[in-house]
Amino acid sequence: MPDVSAEAPTTGEPTSPRSLAAYTTLRLGGPSRRFLTVGDAAETVQSIREAAFDDQPVLILAGGSNVVVADAGFPGLVVLVRSRGVRVVAEDAETVTVRVAAGEPWDDFVAYTIDAGLSGVECLSGIPGSSGATPIQNVGAYGQEVAETISAVEAYDRVTDEVVRLAPAGCGFAYRGSVFKHSDRRVVLSVDFRLARSPLSAPVRYAELARALGVATGDRVPLAQARTAVLALRAGKGMVLDPDDPDTRSVGSFFTNPVLDAAAYEALLGRAGAAGEPPSWPDPSGVVKVSAAWLIDRAGFTKGYGDPGTVAISSKHTLALTHRGGGTTADLLALAREIRDGVHARFGVTLHPEPVLVNCEL
């Protein structure tokens, strides 16, 4: 397997305040106090150590696709991770393990796996952001999650001041979560993915994708065919970045699908009434995951709801809150609160944000 060459480091001395809006997919966020671009893992660690010595707060930023930054910005050092590289670290007759630098653009890596005939992340095509961000929220879509293929995560532990390599069990993977999310203790430096040698996708699990492919759930298709279908589905929902489409100026799904215990699910069905039964996914443990998009829509917040001149729900996808070009983070959070409170008033279910909120709260 060929290696993908790493991009040359672009580090230097921290600069003066810089607007963070240009580094987020929402195009929102105020200034940093200091700003530094790093080009590899060693520089990432060194910048954090130096900031700790000076007692400065640090924000690690890469693709900026899953963060909401306050209008006030960040009162410390922002470290922009631009490490690059994909290399094979282990292989056998059936699998290949590749190590991906944290700053490697995620969709570039997915495209690499398709070209290399490696199966396991093809249904995660088109997701914006960096590879190092994927274990943080256990990125998932169309029936795949990165937790299924991650074999190790290399991270810098700020508490012990050492670089550690965590096995999947130590990552605490959960639905859209991990030990890395909502905690700044560990900074992801690289991720190892163990992928299958196969020209075919993993069995297609997601009904919508199966329909788009014209196959039954459980079938497998050529990797490139799966990628093309996923990209088309995501583009139709405004989930593939397009500078000319304000519907893509978002963090993707703003709210996670709520996971309810049996009693809460029965209470929801009782309150739903004429709205019908929401799409749901029961788990053998007894909990039920419910569609947040359905709850939002049935609570009266339909596609396009909001202010077309500032922030609004996407015209293509109910779960995406979009910046239309003239808004602020405060505007976005106000819309999110209105939706959260409206859903709770109608259905008794509390929605929780999926992105990381930086120097702000919902």
Protein backbone atom coordinates (compact mmCIF):
# COMPACT_ATOMS: atom_id res chain seq x y z
CA MET A 1 0.00 0.00 0.00
CA PRO A 2 1.45 3.41 -0.89
CA ASP A 3 1.75 6.12 1.74
CA VAL A 4 0.04 9.48 1.30
CA SER A 5 2.67 12.18 1.67
CA ALA A 6 2.29 14.51 4.61
CA GLU A 7 1.77 18.21 4.01
CA ALA A 8 4.72 20.35 5.03
CA PRO A 9 4.39 21.92 8.49
CA THR A 10 3.20 25.51 8.54
CA THR A 11 4.01 26.52 12.08
CA GLY A 12 5.44 29.71 13.49
CA GLU A 13 5.07 32.02 16.42
CA PRO A 14 1.53 32.61 17.73
CA THR A 15 -0.10 35.54 15.99
CA SER A 16 -2.30 38.32 17.31
CA PRO A 17 -6.13 37.94 17.48
CA ARG A 18 -7.72 36.33 14.46
CA SER A 19 -11.41 35.85 13.67
CA LEU A 20 -12.40 32.21 14.04
CA ALA A 21 -15.38 32.48 11.68
CA ALA A 22 -13.15 31.67 8.72
CA TYR A 23 -12.16 28.37 10.35
CA THR A 24 -15.64 27.00 11.06
CA THR A 25 -18.19 25.57 8.64
CA LEU A 26 -20.83 27.82 10.21
CA ARG A 27 -18.73 30.89 9.36
CA LEU A 28 -19.48 32.18 12.84
CA GLY A 29 -17.30 32.99 15.84
CA GLY A 30 -15.33 35.89 17.28
CA PRO A 31 -11.58 36.36 17.65
CA SER A 32 -8.98 34.28 19.41
CA ARG A 33 -6.58 36.03 21.77
CA ARG A 34 -3.67 34.22 20.10
CA PHE A 35 -3.54 31.91 17.07
CA LEU A 36 -1.04 29.26 15.99
CA THR A 37 -0.97 26.80 13.09
CA VAL A 38 0.81 23.48 13.71
CA GLY A 39 1.91 20.96 11.09
CA ASP A 40 2.55 17.75 13.02
CA ALA A 41 1.87 15.94 16.30
CA ALA A 42 5.09 17.08 18.00
CA GLU A 43 4.26 20.73 17.33
CA THR A 44 0.72 20.20 18.59
CA VAL A 45 2.02 18.81 21.89
CA GLN A 46 4.67 21.50 22.25
CA SER A 47 2.17 24.32 21.69
CA ILE A 48 -0.13 22.93 24.38
CA ARG A 49 2.74 22.52 26.84
CA GLU A 50 3.89 26.08 26.31
CA ALA A 51 0.37 27.41 26.74
CA ALA A 52 0.01 25.44 29.98
CA PHE A 53 3.28 26.92 31.23
CA ASP A 54 1.84 30.39 30.59
CA ASP A 55 -1.50 29.35 32.15
CA GLN A 56 -3.40 30.03 28.91
CA PRO A 57 -6.59 28.23 27.91
CA VAL A 58 -6.20 26.31 24.62
CA LEU A 59 -8.72 25.49 21.91
CA ILE A 60 -7.76 22.82 19.38
CA LEU A 61 -9.34 23.48 16.00
CA ALA A 62 -9.02 21.53 12.76
CA GLY A 63 -11.87 21.27 10.26
CA GLY A 64 -14.22 23.39 12.36
CA SER A 65 -17.22 21.33 11.26
CA ASN A 66 -18.53 20.41 14.69
CA VAL A 67 -17.97 23.53 16.79
CA VAL A 68 -20.06 26.57 17.63
CA VAL A 69 -17.80 29.43 18.68
CA ALA A 70 -19.14 32.35 20.70
CA ASP A 71 -19.34 35.83 19.20
CA ALA A 72 -16.87 36.82 21.90
CA GLY A 73 -14.42 34.31 20.46
CA PHE A 74 -11.95 32.39 22.61
CA PRO A 75 -9.93 34.02 25.40
CA GLY A 76 -6.73 32.06 24.85
CA LEU A 77 -4.60 30.26 22.30
CA VAL A 78 -6.27 28.61 19.31
CA VAL A 79 -4.15 25.83 17.83
CA LEU A 80 -5.09 25.13 14.22
CA VAL A 81 -4.11 21.54 13.43
CA ARG A 82 -2.85 21.05 9.88
CA SER A 83 -0.98 17.76 10.27
CA ARG A 84 -1.29 15.51 7.23
CA GLY A 85 -0.53 11.95 6.27
CA VAL A 86 -1.91 8.43 5.90
CA ARG A 87 0.39 5.43 6.25
CA VAL A 88 0.05 1.69 6.60
CA VAL A 89 1.19 0.41 10.01
CA ALA A 90 0.03 -3.22 9.85
CA GLU A 91 -1.50 -5.61 7.35
CA ASP A 92 -2.38 -9.25 6.84
CA ALA A 93 -4.26 -11.26 4.26
CA GLU A 94 -7.66 -9.83 5.24
CA THR A 95 -7.07 -6.40 6.78
CA VAL A 96 -4.94 -3.28 6.57
CA THR A 97 -4.39 -0.87 9.48
CA VAL A 98 -3.70 2.71 8.46
CA ARG A 99 -2.59 5.57 10.71
CA VAL A 100 -4.15 8.91 9.85
CA ALA A 101 -2.85 12.26 11.08
CA ALA A 102 -5.39 14.28 13.06
CA GLY A 103 -5.43 17.14 10.56
CA GLU A 104 -5.99 14.97 7.49
CA PRO A 105 -9.30 16.00 5.87
CA TRP A 106 -11.72 13.19 6.58
CA ASP A 107 -13.25 12.87 3.14
CA ASP A 108 -9.80 12.80 1.54
CA PHE A 109 -9.04 9.79 3.72
CA VAL A 110 -12.32 8.09 2.77
CA ALA A 111 -11.50 8.63 -0.92
CA TYR A 112 -8.07 7.07 -0.28
CA THR A 113 -9.66 3.94 1.19
CA ILE A 114 -11.93 3.56 -1.84
CA ASP A 115 -8.97 3.84 -4.22
CA ALA A 116 -6.97 1.37 -2.11
CA GLY A 117 -9.78 -1.21 -2.01
CA LEU A 118 -10.31 -0.96 1.73
CA SER A 119 -13.79 -1.38 3.17
CA GLY A 120 -15.25 0.01 6.38
CA VAL A 121 -15.72 3.79 6.12
CA GLU A 122 -17.27 4.18 2.66
CA CYS A 123 -20.68 5.13 4.08
CA LEU A 124 -19.02 8.04 5.91
CA SER A 125 -18.20 9.77 2.63
CA GLY A 126 -18.78 13.51 2.36
CA ILE A 127 -18.60 14.27 6.07
CA PRO A 128 -16.66 17.53 6.54
CA GLY A 129 -13.94 18.06 9.07
CA SER A 130 -10.71 16.36 10.06
CA SER A 131 -9.88 12.72 10.70
CA GLY A 132 -8.83 13.51 14.26
CA ALA A 133 -12.33 14.76 15.05
CA THR A 134 -14.03 11.50 14.09
CA PRO A 135 -13.36 9.55 17.30
CA ILE A 136 -14.35 12.54 19.43
CA GLN A 137 -18.03 12.27 18.58
CA ASN A 138 -17.86 8.72 17.19
CA VAL A 139 -18.87 10.00 13.77
CA GLY A 140 -21.56 7.92 12.14
CA ALA A 141 -23.87 7.98 9.13
CA TYR A 142 -25.81 5.61 6.91
CA GLY A 143 -25.28 2.62 9.17
CA GLN A 144 -21.56 3.01 9.93
CA GLU A 145 -19.69 4.46 12.91
CA VAL A 146 -15.95 5.02 13.16
CA ALA A 147 -15.90 3.02 16.41
CA GLU A 148 -16.38 -0.10 14.28
CA THR A 149 -13.03 0.34 12.53
CA ILE A 150 -10.86 2.35 14.93
CA SER A 151 -8.17 0.14 16.45
CA ALA A 152 -6.31 2.85 18.39
CA VAL A 153 -6.24 6.59 19.06
CA GLU A 154 -3.00 8.41 19.81
CA ALA A 155 -3.57 11.39 22.07
CA TYR A 156 -1.74 13.86 24.25
CA ASP A 157 -2.91 13.64 27.88
CA ARG A 158 -2.72 17.12 29.38
CA VAL A 159 -3.02 15.80 32.94
CA THR A 160 -0.14 13.32 32.80
CA ASP A 161 1.82 15.30 30.18
CA GLU A 162 2.41 12.25 28.01
CA VAL A 163 1.40 10.86 24.65
CA VAL A 164 -0.82 7.80 25.07
CA ARG A 165 -2.28 5.23 22.71
CA LEU A 166 -5.81 4.23 23.62
CA ALA A 167 -7.43 0.97 22.53
CA PRO A 168 -11.13 1.15 21.62
CA ALA A 169 -12.14 0.08 25.14
CA GLY A 170 -10.33 3.10 26.54
CA CYS A 171 -12.07 5.51 24.17
CA GLY A 172 -15.49 5.10 25.77
CA PHE A 173 -17.29 5.09 22.44
CA ALA A 174 -21.04 5.68 22.63
CA TYR A 175 -23.72 7.11 20.39
CA ARG A 176 -22.13 10.36 19.13
CA GLY A 177 -19.79 10.38 22.07
CA SER A 178 -16.48 9.27 23.58
CA VAL A 179 -14.08 10.14 26.40
CA PHE A 180 -12.71 12.89 24.14
CA LYS A 181 -15.98 14.80 23.82
CA HIS A 182 -16.77 17.63 26.24
CA SER A 183 -13.37 17.17 27.88
CA ASP A 184 -10.13 18.87 26.96
CA ARG A 185 -7.93 16.39 28.83
CA ARG A 186 -6.90 14.42 25.73
CA VAL A 187 -5.96 15.91 22.36
CA VAL A 188 -6.18 13.51 19.42
CA LEU A 189 -2.93 13.32 17.42
CA SER A 190 -3.62 10.39 15.08
CA VAL A 191 -6.13 7.59 14.57
CA ASP A 192 -5.57 3.97 13.49
CA PHE A 193 -8.27 2.37 11.34
CA ARG A 194 -8.37 -1.38 10.73
CA LEU A 195 -10.09 -1.89 7.38
CA ALA A 196 -11.01 -4.95 5.36
CA ARG A 197 -9.32 -5.76 2.08
CA SER A 198 -12.39 -5.82 -0.15
CA PRO A 199 -13.64 -4.19 -3.34
CA LEU A 200 -17.13 -4.35 -1.82
CA SER A 201 -18.75 -2.25 0.88
CA ALA A 202 -19.68 -3.55 4.27
CA PRO A 203 -23.25 -4.91 4.28
CA VAL A 204 -25.61 -2.00 3.67
CA ARG A 205 -27.57 -1.44 6.89
CA TYR A 206 -29.40 1.81 6.27
CA ALA A 207 -32.74 1.48 4.48
CA GLU A 208 -32.51 4.88 2.75
CA LEU A 209 -29.09 4.02 1.32
CA ALA A 210 -30.26 0.57 0.25
CA ARG A 211 -33.14 2.15 -1.65
CA ALA A 212 -30.80 4.62 -3.34
CA LEU A 213 -28.55 1.75 -4.38
CA GLY A 214 -31.45 -0.44 -5.50
CA VAL A 215 -30.40 -3.31 -3.22
CA ALA A 216 -31.74 -5.02 -0.11
CA THR A 217 -30.40 -4.20 3.33
CA GLY A 218 -27.55 -6.56 4.06
CA ASP A 219 -26.33 -6.57 0.46
CA ARG A 220 -22.86 -5.36 -0.51
CA VAL A 221 -21.97 -3.13 -3.45
CA PRO A 222 -18.73 -1.88 -5.03
CA LEU A 223 -17.00 0.66 -2.81
CA ALA A 224 -17.15 3.45 -5.37
CA GLN A 225 -20.87 2.84 -5.90
CA ALA A 226 -21.54 3.14 -2.16
CA ARG A 227 -19.52 6.35 -1.98
CA THR A 228 -21.31 7.90 -4.95
CA ALA A 229 -24.72 7.09 -3.49
CA VAL A 230 -23.83 8.47 -0.06
CA LEU A 231 -22.45 11.68 -1.54
CA ALA A 232 -25.65 12.15 -3.56
CA LEU A 233 -27.85 11.58 -0.50
CA ARG A 234 -25.81 13.99 1.60
CA ALA A 235 -25.79 16.64 -1.13
CA GLY A 236 -29.56 16.41 -1.37
CA LYS A 237 -29.74 17.28 2.33
CA GLY A 238 -27.20 20.11 2.14
CA MET A 239 -24.64 17.99 4.00
CA VAL A 240 -21.77 18.30 1.52
CA LEU A 241 -19.91 21.61 1.77
CA ASP A 242 -20.68 24.00 -1.08
CA PRO A 243 -19.59 27.65 -0.79
CA ASP A 244 -22.50 28.69 -3.01
CA ASP A 245 -25.14 26.91 -0.92
CA PRO A 246 -25.99 28.51 2.47
CA ASP A 247 -27.71 25.27 3.49
CA THR A 248 -24.25 23.77 3.87
CA ARG A 249 -23.11 26.53 6.23
CA SER A 250 -23.87 24.45 9.31
CA VAL A 251 -22.46 21.87 11.70
CA GLY A 252 -24.50 19.11 10.11
CA SER A 253 -27.06 17.71 12.51
CA PHE A 254 -27.35 20.23 15.35
CA PHE A 255 -29.24 17.87 17.70
CA THR A 256 -28.64 14.20 18.41
CA ASN A 257 -31.46 11.70 18.17
CA PRO A 258 -32.77 11.28 21.74
CA VAL A 259 -32.36 7.88 23.35
CA LEU A 260 -35.31 7.11 25.63
CA ASP A 261 -35.97 4.43 28.19
CA ALA A 262 -39.17 2.39 27.89
CA ALA A 263 -41.23 4.67 30.14
CA ALA A 264 -40.13 7.85 28.37
CA TYR A 265 -40.84 6.28 24.98
CA GLU A 266 -44.36 5.28 26.04
CA ALA A 267 -44.94 8.81 27.35
CA LEU A 268 -43.81 10.20 24.00
CA LEU A 269 -46.24 7.97 22.12
CA GLY A 270 -49.01 9.15 24.39
CA ARG A 271 -48.23 12.80 23.72
CA ALA A 272 -47.72 12.32 19.98
CA GLY A 273 -51.41 11.62 19.41
CA ALA A 274 -52.50 12.60 15.92
CA ALA A 275 -48.90 13.36 14.93
CA GLY A 276 -48.41 9.62 14.64
CA GLU A 277 -45.57 7.38 15.72
CA PRO A 278 -42.04 8.74 15.27
CA PRO A 279 -39.39 6.78 13.39
CA SER A 280 -37.49 4.84 16.04
CA TRP A 281 -34.75 2.30 16.49
CA PRO A 282 -35.17 -0.05 19.47
CA ASP A 283 -32.05 -1.38 21.16
CA PRO A 284 -31.83 -4.82 22.79
CA SER A 285 -30.97 -3.08 26.06
CA GLY A 286 -34.51 -1.71 26.17
CA VAL A 287 -33.88 1.88 25.16
CA VAL A 288 -35.26 3.39 21.97
CA LYS A 289 -33.56 5.96 19.74
CA VAL A 290 -36.07 8.39 18.24
CA SER A 291 -35.78 10.66 15.22
CA ALA A 292 -34.98 14.21 16.35
CA ALA A 293 -35.88 15.48 12.88
CA TRP A 294 -39.41 14.07 13.23
CA LEU A 295 -39.85 15.65 16.67
CA ILE A 296 -38.65 19.04 15.39
CA ASP A 297 -40.88 18.96 12.33
CA ARG A 298 -43.99 17.81 14.23
CA ALA A 299 -43.41 20.50 16.85
CA GLY A 300 -43.86 23.08 14.10
CA PHE A 301 -40.28 23.81 13.13
CA THR A 302 -40.27 22.90 9.47
CA LYS A 303 -37.54 23.22 6.85
CA GLY A 304 -36.65 26.86 6.29
CA TYR A 305 -37.99 27.99 9.68
CA GLY A 306 -36.20 31.08 10.96
CA ASP A 307 -34.84 34.25 9.42
CA PRO A 308 -33.58 33.85 5.83
CA GLY A 309 -31.25 36.81 6.41
CA THR A 310 -29.53 35.48 9.53
CA VAL A 311 -30.07 31.90 10.72
CA ALA A 312 -32.67 29.30 9.83
CA ILE A 313 -33.34 25.59 9.63
CA SER A 314 -31.95 24.23 6.38
CA SER A 315 -34.36 24.16 3.46
CA LYS A 316 -33.17 20.59 2.82
CA HIS A 317 -32.76 18.95 6.22
CA THR A 318 -34.66 19.61 9.45
CA LEU A 319 -31.75 18.78 11.74
CA ALA A 320 -29.37 21.36 10.28
CA LEU A 321 -29.35 24.91 11.62
CA THR A 322 -27.74 27.15 9.04
CA HIS A 323 -26.07 30.54 8.94
CA ARG A 324 -27.53 32.42 6.00
CA GLY A 325 -24.77 35.01 5.92
CA GLY A 326 -25.83 37.91 8.16
CA GLY A 327 -26.22 36.28 11.55
CA THR A 328 -24.35 35.76 14.78
CA THR A 329 -23.69 32.87 17.11
CA ALA A 330 -26.20 34.42 19.51
CA ASP A 331 -28.82 34.27 16.74
CA LEU A 332 -28.04 30.61 16.10
CA LEU A 333 -28.25 29.65 19.76
CA ALA A 334 -31.51 31.55 20.17
CA LEU A 335 -33.02 29.52 17.32
CA ALA A 336 -31.66 26.31 18.84
CA ARG A 337 -33.22 27.16 22.22
CA GLU A 338 -36.55 27.94 20.58
CA ILE A 339 -36.53 24.55 18.87
CA ARG A 340 -35.37 22.67 21.96
CA ASP A 341 -37.99 24.30 24.17
CA GLY A 342 -40.74 23.87 21.57
CA VAL A 343 -40.02 20.16 21.20
CA HIS A 344 -40.03 19.71 24.97
CA ALA A 345 -43.32 21.57 25.33
CA ARG A 346 -44.95 19.45 22.62
CA PHE A 347 -43.48 16.01 23.35
CA GLY A 348 -41.80 16.13 26.76
CA VAL A 349 -38.45 15.19 25.18
CA THR A 350 -35.30 17.27 25.65
CA LEU A 351 -33.00 17.57 22.64
CA HIS A 352 -29.25 17.86 23.17
CA PRO A 353 -26.77 19.59 20.86
CA GLU A 354 -24.32 17.49 18.88
CA PRO A 355 -21.58 20.10 18.26
CA VAL A 356 -19.10 21.31 20.84
CA LEU A 357 -20.05 24.74 22.18
CA VAL A 358 -17.00 26.96 22.65
CA ASN A 359 -17.30 29.78 25.20
CA CYS A 360 -21.10 29.65 24.88
CA GLU A 361 -24.00 27.52 26.03
CA LEU A 362 -27.45 26.47 24.96
